Amino acid sequence: MFEQLQAALGDIVHTIEVIDIDLDGNEELLARYDELVPVLLASRDGKSSQQLCHYFFDLASLHAFLEQSRDA
């Protein structure tokens, strides 16, 4: 999924943070996402993160999020 994400973002300035909830020890994240991983969250302009997809990488959801970013 990481490679697909990088390719989809292309030259858009971004930061990707990969968190392994099993190794991180963050009980809140484990409780929230345990059965959903992998999960892709995105945020912009310091706003709260929104979940774009889980289980499988959804390129259409990422593109929709990026289009909203361009329109804003």
PDB file of N, CA and C in Angstrom:
ATOM      1  N   MET A   1       0.820  -1.186   0.000  1.00  0.00           N
ATOM      2  CA  MET A   1       0.000   0.000   0.000  1.00  0.00           C
ATOM      3  C   MET A   1       0.869   1.257   0.000  1.00  0.00           C
ATOM      4  N   PHE A   2       1.980   1.243   0.698  1.00  0.00           N
ATOM      5  CA  PHE A   2       2.838   2.418   0.811  1.00  0.00           C
ATOM      6  C   PHE A   2       3.345   2.870  -0.557  1.00  0.00           C
ATOM      7  N   GLU A   3       3.764   1.937  -1.384  1.00  0.00           N
ATOM      8  CA  GLU A   3       4.270   2.282  -2.709  1.00  0.00           C
ATOM      9  C   GLU A   3       3.175   2.895  -3.577  1.00  0.00           C
ATOM     10  N   GLN A   4       1.961   2.340  -3.504  1.00  0.00           N
ATOM     11  CA  GLN A   4       0.833   2.880  -4.258  1.00  0.00           C
ATOM     12  C   GLN A   4       0.507   4.299  -3.798  1.00  0.00           C
ATOM     13  N   LEU A   5       0.576   4.515  -2.520  1.00  0.00           N
ATOM     14  CA  LEU A   5       0.301   5.837  -1.957  1.00  0.00           C
ATOM     15  C   LEU A   5       1.324   6.847  -2.445  1.00  0.00           C
ATOM     16  N   GLN A   6       2.590   6.502  -2.380  1.00  0.00           N
ATOM     17  CA  GLN A   6       3.650   7.386  -2.860  1.00  0.00           C
ATOM     18  C   GLN A   6       3.448   7.727  -4.340  1.00  0.00           C
ATOM     19  N   ALA A   7       3.127   6.730  -5.132  1.00  0.00           N
ATOM     20  CA  ALA A   7       2.933   6.945  -6.568  1.00  0.00           C
ATOM     21  C   ALA A   7       1.726   7.849  -6.825  1.00  0.00           C
ATOM     22  N   ALA A   8       0.660   7.649  -6.083  1.00  0.00           N
ATOM     23  CA  ALA A   8      -0.550   8.452  -6.270  1.00  0.00           C
ATOM     24  C   ALA A   8      -0.322   9.906  -5.896  1.00  0.00           C
ATOM     25  N   LEU A   9       0.491  10.144  -4.886  1.00  0.00           N
ATOM     26  CA  LEU A   9       0.739  11.506  -4.428  1.00  0.00           C
ATOM     27  C   LEU A   9       1.689  12.254  -5.349  1.00  0.00           C
ATOM     28  N   GLY A  10       2.551  11.519  -6.018  1.00  0.00           N
ATOM     29  CA  GLY A  10       3.472  12.144  -6.968  1.00  0.00           C
ATOM     30  C   GLY A  10       4.254  13.292  -6.361  1.00  0.00           C
ATOM     31  N   ASP A  11       4.141  14.484  -6.959  1.00  0.00           N
ATOM     32  CA  ASP A  11       4.933  15.627  -6.501  1.00  0.00           C
ATOM     33  C   ASP A  11       4.198  16.505  -5.491  1.00  0.00           C
ATOM     34  N   ILE A  12       3.057  16.043  -4.980  1.00  0.00           N
ATOM     35  CA  ILE A  12       2.331  16.786  -3.955  1.00  0.00           C
ATOM     36  C   ILE A  12       3.138  16.738  -2.660  1.00  0.00           C
ATOM     37  N   VAL A  13       3.333  17.884  -2.042  1.00  0.00           N
ATOM     38  CA  VAL A  13       4.063  17.937  -0.778  1.00  0.00           C
ATOM     39  C   VAL A  13       3.225  17.221   0.280  1.00  0.00           C
ATOM     40  N   HIS A  14       3.831  16.252   0.936  1.00  0.00           N
ATOM     41  CA  HIS A  14       3.098  15.446   1.903  1.00  0.00           C
ATOM     42  C   HIS A  14       4.036  14.840   2.935  1.00  0.00           C
ATOM     43  N   THR A  15       3.458  14.380   3.997  1.00  0.00           N
ATOM     44  CA  THR A  15       4.169  13.628   5.022  1.00  0.00           C
ATOM     45  C   THR A  15       3.398  12.342   5.242  1.00  0.00           C
ATOM     46  N   ILE A  16       4.101  11.243   5.239  1.00  0.00           N
ATOM     47  CA  ILE A  16       3.475   9.946   5.504  1.00  0.00           C
ATOM     48  C   ILE A  16       4.057   9.419   6.801  1.00  0.00           C
ATOM     49  N   GLU A  17       3.174   9.052   7.703  1.00  0.00           N
ATOM     50  CA  GLU A  17       3.597   8.467   8.973  1.00  0.00           C
ATOM     51  C   GLU A  17       3.024   7.061   9.040  1.00  0.00           C
ATOM     52  N   VAL A  18       3.887   6.079   9.128  1.00  0.00           N
ATOM     53  CA  VAL A  18       3.466   4.694   9.240  1.00  0.00           C
ATOM     54  C   VAL A  18       3.537   4.311  10.715  1.00  0.00           C
ATOM     55  N   ILE A  19       2.424   3.833  11.230  1.00  0.00           N
ATOM     56  CA  ILE A  19       2.358   3.428  12.633  1.00  0.00           C
ATOM     57  C   ILE A  19       1.946   1.964  12.684  1.00  0.00           C
ATOM     58  N   ASP A  20       2.773   1.140  13.286  1.00  0.00           N
ATOM     59  CA  ASP A  20       2.437  -0.258  13.509  1.00  0.00           C
ATOM     60  C   ASP A  20       1.767  -0.335  14.874  1.00  0.00           C
ATOM     61  N   ILE A  21       0.442  -0.437  14.879  1.00  0.00           N
ATOM     62  CA  ILE A  21      -0.279  -0.371  16.148  1.00  0.00           C
ATOM     63  C   ILE A  21       0.018  -1.552  17.061  1.00  0.00           C
ATOM     64  N   ASP A  22       0.489  -2.643  16.502  1.00  0.00           N
ATOM     65  CA  ASP A  22       0.851  -3.786  17.332  1.00  0.00           C
ATOM     66  C   ASP A  22       2.162  -3.543  18.073  1.00  0.00           C
ATOM     67  N   LEU A  23       3.095  -2.828  17.443  1.00  0.00           N
ATOM     68  CA  LEU A  23       4.393  -2.574  18.061  1.00  0.00           C
ATOM     69  C   LEU A  23       4.430  -1.275  18.841  1.00  0.00           C
ATOM     70  N   ASP A  24       3.596  -0.326  18.452  1.00  0.00           N
ATOM     71  CA  ASP A  24       3.595   1.002  19.057  1.00  0.00           C
ATOM     72  C   ASP A  24       3.166   0.968  20.517  1.00  0.00           C
ATOM     73  N   GLY A  25       2.299   0.042  20.879  1.00  0.00           N
ATOM     74  CA  GLY A  25       1.825  -0.044  22.255  1.00  0.00           C
ATOM     75  C   GLY A  25       0.749   0.976  22.584  1.00  0.00           C
ATOM     76  N   ASN A  26       0.199   1.620  21.576  1.00  0.00           N
ATOM     77  CA  ASN A  26      -0.843   2.612  21.786  1.00  0.00           C
ATOM     78  C   ASN A  26      -2.186   1.898  21.864  1.00  0.00           C
ATOM     79  N   GLU A  27      -2.678   1.734  23.080  1.00  0.00           N
ATOM     80  CA  GLU A  27      -3.922   0.983  23.290  1.00  0.00           C
ATOM     81  C   GLU A  27      -5.125   1.648  22.622  1.00  0.00           C
ATOM     82  N   GLU A  28      -5.136   2.982  22.564  1.00  0.00           N
ATOM     83  CA  GLU A  28      -6.247   3.692  21.926  1.00  0.00           C
ATOM     84  C   GLU A  28      -6.310   3.367  20.433  1.00  0.00           C
ATOM     85  N   LEU A  29      -5.164   3.420  19.753  1.00  0.00           N
ATOM     86  CA  LEU A  29      -5.135   3.094  18.328  1.00  0.00           C
ATOM     87  C   LEU A  29      -5.478   1.637  18.092  1.00  0.00           C
ATOM     88  N   LEU A  30      -4.971   0.771  18.938  1.00  0.00           N
ATOM     89  CA  LEU A  30      -5.254  -0.658  18.804  1.00  0.00           C
ATOM     90  C   LEU A  30      -6.751  -0.924  18.968  1.00  0.00           C
ATOM     91  N   ALA A  31      -7.375  -0.288  19.944  1.00  0.00           N
ATOM     92  CA  ALA A  31      -8.809  -0.471  20.166  1.00  0.00           C
ATOM     93  C   ALA A  31      -9.624   0.076  18.992  1.00  0.00           C
ATOM     94  N   ARG A  32      -9.196   1.197  18.423  1.00  0.00           N
ATOM     95  CA  ARG A  32      -9.945   1.842  17.354  1.00  0.00           C
ATOM     96  C   ARG A  32      -9.779   1.141  16.007  1.00  0.00           C
ATOM     97  N   TYR A  33      -8.565   0.677  15.693  1.00  0.00           N
ATOM     98  CA  TYR A  33      -8.278   0.201  14.328  1.00  0.00           C
ATOM     99  C   TYR A  33      -7.895  -1.268  14.215  1.00  0.00           C
ATOM    100  N   ASP A  34      -7.874  -1.999  15.290  1.00  0.00           N
ATOM    101  CA  ASP A  34      -7.355  -3.371  15.297  1.00  0.00           C
ATOM    102  C   ASP A  34      -7.862  -4.227  14.144  1.00  0.00           C
ATOM    103  N   GLU A  35      -9.139  -4.263  13.920  1.00  0.00           N
ATOM    104  CA  GLU A  35      -9.712  -5.116  12.881  1.00  0.00           C
ATOM    105  C   GLU A  35      -9.757  -4.449  11.506  1.00  0.00           C
ATOM    106  N   LEU A  36      -9.355  -3.184  11.415  1.00  0.00           N
ATOM    107  CA  LEU A  36      -9.467  -2.434  10.164  1.00  0.00           C
ATOM    108  C   LEU A  36      -8.159  -2.316   9.389  1.00  0.00           C
ATOM    109  N   VAL A  37      -7.041  -2.624  10.009  1.00  0.00           N
ATOM    110  CA  VAL A  37      -5.751  -2.355   9.379  1.00  0.00           C
ATOM    111  C   VAL A  37      -5.587  -3.108   8.069  1.00  0.00           C
ATOM    112  N   PRO A  38      -4.894  -2.531   7.109  1.00  0.00           N
ATOM    113  CA  PRO A  38      -4.313  -1.190   7.158  1.00  0.00           C
ATOM    114  C   PRO A  38      -5.392  -0.110   6.986  1.00  0.00           C
ATOM    115  N   VAL A  39      -5.140   1.034   7.596  1.00  0.00           N
ATOM    116  CA  VAL A  39      -6.047   2.176   7.557  1.00  0.00           C
ATOM    117  C   VAL A  39      -5.280   3.365   6.996  1.00  0.00           C
ATOM    118  N   LEU A  40      -5.932   4.132   6.128  1.00  0.00           N
ATOM    119  CA  LEU A  40      -5.330   5.349   5.593  1.00  0.00           C
ATOM    120  C   LEU A  40      -6.126   6.540   6.116  1.00  0.00           C
ATOM    121  N   LEU A  41      -5.441   7.394   6.894  1.00  0.00           N
ATOM    122  CA  LEU A  41      -6.024   8.626   7.401  1.00  0.00           C
ATOM    123  C   LEU A  41      -5.337   9.787   6.710  1.00  0.00           C
ATOM    124  N   ALA A  42      -6.061  10.872   6.531  1.00  0.00           N
ATOM    125  CA  ALA A  42      -5.469  12.047   5.901  1.00  0.00           C
ATOM    126  C   ALA A  42      -6.014  13.303   6.575  1.00  0.00           C
ATOM    127  N   SER A  43      -5.188  14.335   6.587  1.00  0.00           N
ATOM    128  CA  SER A  43      -5.630  15.624   7.110  1.00  0.00           C
ATOM    129  C   SER A  43      -4.945  16.722   6.314  1.00  0.00           C
ATOM    130  N   ARG A  44      -5.498  17.919   6.428  1.00  0.00           N
ATOM    131  CA  ARG A  44      -4.895  19.065   5.765  1.00  0.00           C
ATOM    132  C   ARG A  44      -5.169  20.308   6.590  1.00  0.00           C
ATOM    133  N   ASP A  45      -4.297  21.262   6.462  1.00  0.00           N
ATOM    134  CA  ASP A  45      -4.462  22.555   7.121  1.00  0.00           C
ATOM    135  C   ASP A  45      -4.651  22.440   8.624  1.00  0.00           C
ATOM    136  N   GLY A  46      -4.004  21.461   9.248  1.00  0.00           N
ATOM    137  CA  GLY A  46      -4.083  21.309  10.692  1.00  0.00           C
ATOM    138  C   GLY A  46      -5.407  20.797  11.218  1.00  0.00           C
ATOM    139  N   LYS A  47      -6.286  20.370  10.333  1.00  0.00           N
ATOM    140  CA  LYS A  47      -7.594  19.863  10.748  1.00  0.00           C
ATOM    141  C   LYS A  47      -7.479  18.413  11.201  1.00  0.00           C
ATOM    142  N   SER A  48      -8.543  17.911  11.807  1.00  0.00           N
ATOM    143  CA  SER A  48      -8.583  16.530  12.260  1.00  0.00           C
ATOM    144  C   SER A  48      -8.449  15.574  11.082  1.00  0.00           C
ATOM    145  N   SER A  49      -7.884  14.427  11.361  1.00  0.00           N
ATOM    146  CA  SER A  49      -7.737  13.399  10.337  1.00  0.00           C
ATOM    147  C   SER A  49      -9.082  12.801   9.986  1.00  0.00           C
ATOM    148  N   GLN A  50      -9.198  12.394   8.727  1.00  0.00           N
ATOM    149  CA  GLN A  50     -10.376  11.648   8.309  1.00  0.00           C
ATOM    150  C   GLN A  50      -9.918  10.334   7.706  1.00  0.00           C
ATOM    151  N   GLN A  51     -10.702   9.303   7.926  1.00  0.00           N
ATOM    152  CA  GLN A  51     -10.368   7.985   7.408  1.00  0.00           C
ATOM    153  C   GLN A  51     -10.775   7.911   5.945  1.00  0.00           C
ATOM    154  N   LEU A  52      -9.805   7.621   5.082  1.00  0.00           N
ATOM    155  CA  LEU A  52     -10.081   7.509   3.655  1.00  0.00           C
ATOM    156  C   LEU A  52     -10.432   6.081   3.251  1.00  0.00           C
ATOM    157  N   CYS A  53      -9.759   5.126   3.858  1.00  0.00           N
ATOM    158  CA  CYS A  53     -10.059   3.739   3.531  1.00  0.00           C
ATOM    159  C   CYS A  53      -9.460   2.816   4.586  1.00  0.00           C
ATOM    160  N   HIS A  54      -9.922   1.574   4.574  1.00  0.00           N
ATOM    161  CA  HIS A  54      -9.361   0.540   5.437  1.00  0.00           C
ATOM    162  C   HIS A  54      -9.458  -0.806   4.721  1.00  0.00           C
ATOM    163  N   TYR A  55      -8.762  -1.777   5.218  1.00  0.00           N
ATOM    164  CA  TYR A  55      -8.614  -3.113   4.624  1.00  0.00           C
ATOM    165  C   TYR A  55      -7.834  -3.079   3.313  1.00  0.00           C
ATOM    166  N   PHE A  56      -8.283  -2.263   2.364  1.00  0.00           N
ATOM    167  CA  PHE A  56      -7.642  -2.179   1.064  1.00  0.00           C
ATOM    168  C   PHE A  56      -7.418  -0.718   0.700  1.00  0.00           C
ATOM    169  N   PHE A  57      -6.365  -0.456  -0.037  1.00  0.00           N
ATOM    170  CA  PHE A  57      -6.073   0.891  -0.503  1.00  0.00           C
ATOM    171  C   PHE A  57      -7.113   1.291  -1.538  1.00  0.00           C
ATOM    172  N   ASP A  58      -7.783   2.415  -1.306  1.00  0.00           N
ATOM    173  CA  ASP A  58      -8.828   2.913  -2.203  1.00  0.00           C
ATOM    174  C   ASP A  58      -8.315   4.170  -2.892  1.00  0.00           C
ATOM    175  N   LEU A  59      -7.782   3.992  -4.075  1.00  0.00           N
ATOM    176  CA  LEU A  59      -7.194   5.090  -4.828  1.00  0.00           C
ATOM    177  C   LEU A  59      -8.224   6.177  -5.135  1.00  0.00           C
ATOM    178  N   ALA A  60      -9.453   5.792  -5.405  1.00  0.00           N
ATOM    179  CA  ALA A  60     -10.505   6.776  -5.700  1.00  0.00           C
ATOM    180  C   ALA A  60     -10.760   7.689  -4.497  1.00  0.00           C
ATOM    181  N   SER A  61     -10.750   7.136  -3.295  1.00  0.00           N
ATOM    182  CA  SER A  61     -10.939   7.953  -2.087  1.00  0.00           C
ATOM    183  C   SER A  61      -9.783   8.931  -1.905  1.00  0.00           C
ATOM    184  N   LEU A  62      -8.576   8.478  -2.176  1.00  0.00           N
ATOM    185  CA  LEU A  62      -7.415   9.370  -2.069  1.00  0.00           C
ATOM    186  C   LEU A  62      -7.524  10.487  -3.089  1.00  0.00           C
ATOM    187  N   HIS A  63      -7.864  10.161  -4.323  1.00  0.00           N
ATOM    188  CA  HIS A  63      -8.003  11.189  -5.354  1.00  0.00           C
ATOM    189  C   HIS A  63      -9.104  12.192  -4.996  1.00  0.00           C
ATOM    190  N   ALA A  64     -10.215  11.714  -4.443  1.00  0.00           N
ATOM    191  CA  ALA A  64     -11.304  12.616  -4.032  1.00  0.00           C
ATOM    192  C   ALA A  64     -10.825  13.563  -2.938  1.00  0.00           C
ATOM    193  N   PHE A  65     -10.061  13.042  -1.982  1.00  0.00           N
ATOM    194  CA  PHE A  65      -9.511  13.884  -0.915  1.00  0.00           C
ATOM    195  C   PHE A  65      -8.565  14.935  -1.490  1.00  0.00           C
ATOM    196  N   LEU A  66      -7.717  14.527  -2.413  1.00  0.00           N
ATOM    197  CA  LEU A  66      -6.760  15.448  -3.007  1.00  0.00           C
ATOM    198  C   LEU A  66      -7.472  16.516  -3.828  1.00  0.00           C
ATOM    199  N   GLU A  67      -8.533  16.143  -4.520  1.00  0.00           N
ATOM    200  CA  GLU A  67      -9.301  17.125  -5.293  1.00  0.00           C
ATOM    201  C   GLU A  67      -9.949  18.152  -4.369  1.00  0.00           C
ATOM    202  N   GLN A  68     -10.464  17.710  -3.242  1.00  0.00           N
ATOM    203  CA  GLN A  68     -11.039  18.628  -2.263  1.00  0.00           C
ATOM    204  C   GLN A  68      -9.972  19.596  -1.766  1.00  0.00           C
ATOM    205  N   SER A  69      -8.753  19.096  -1.612  1.00  0.00           N
ATOM    206  CA  SER A  69      -7.650  19.932  -1.147  1.00  0.00           C
ATOM    207  C   SER A  69      -7.337  21.012  -2.174  1.00  0.00           C
ATOM    208  N   ARG A  70      -7.377  20.651  -3.447  1.00  0.00           N
ATOM    209  CA  ARG A  70      -7.076  21.611  -4.504  1.00  0.00           C
ATOM    210  C   ARG A  70      -8.157  22.677  -4.628  1.00  0.00           C
ATOM    211  N   ASP A  71      -9.414  22.265  -4.389  1.00  0.00           N
ATOM    212  CA  ASP A  71     -10.540  23.179  -4.502  1.00  0.00           C
ATOM    213  C   ASP A  71     -10.641  24.145  -3.327  1.00  0.00           C
ATOM    214  N   ALA A  72     -10.051  23.764  -2.213  1.00  0.00           N
ATOM    215  CA  ALA A  72     -10.151  24.586  -0.990  1.00  0.00           C
ATOM    216  C   ALA A  72      -9.296  25.822  -1.052  1.00  0.00           C
TER     217      ALA A  72
END
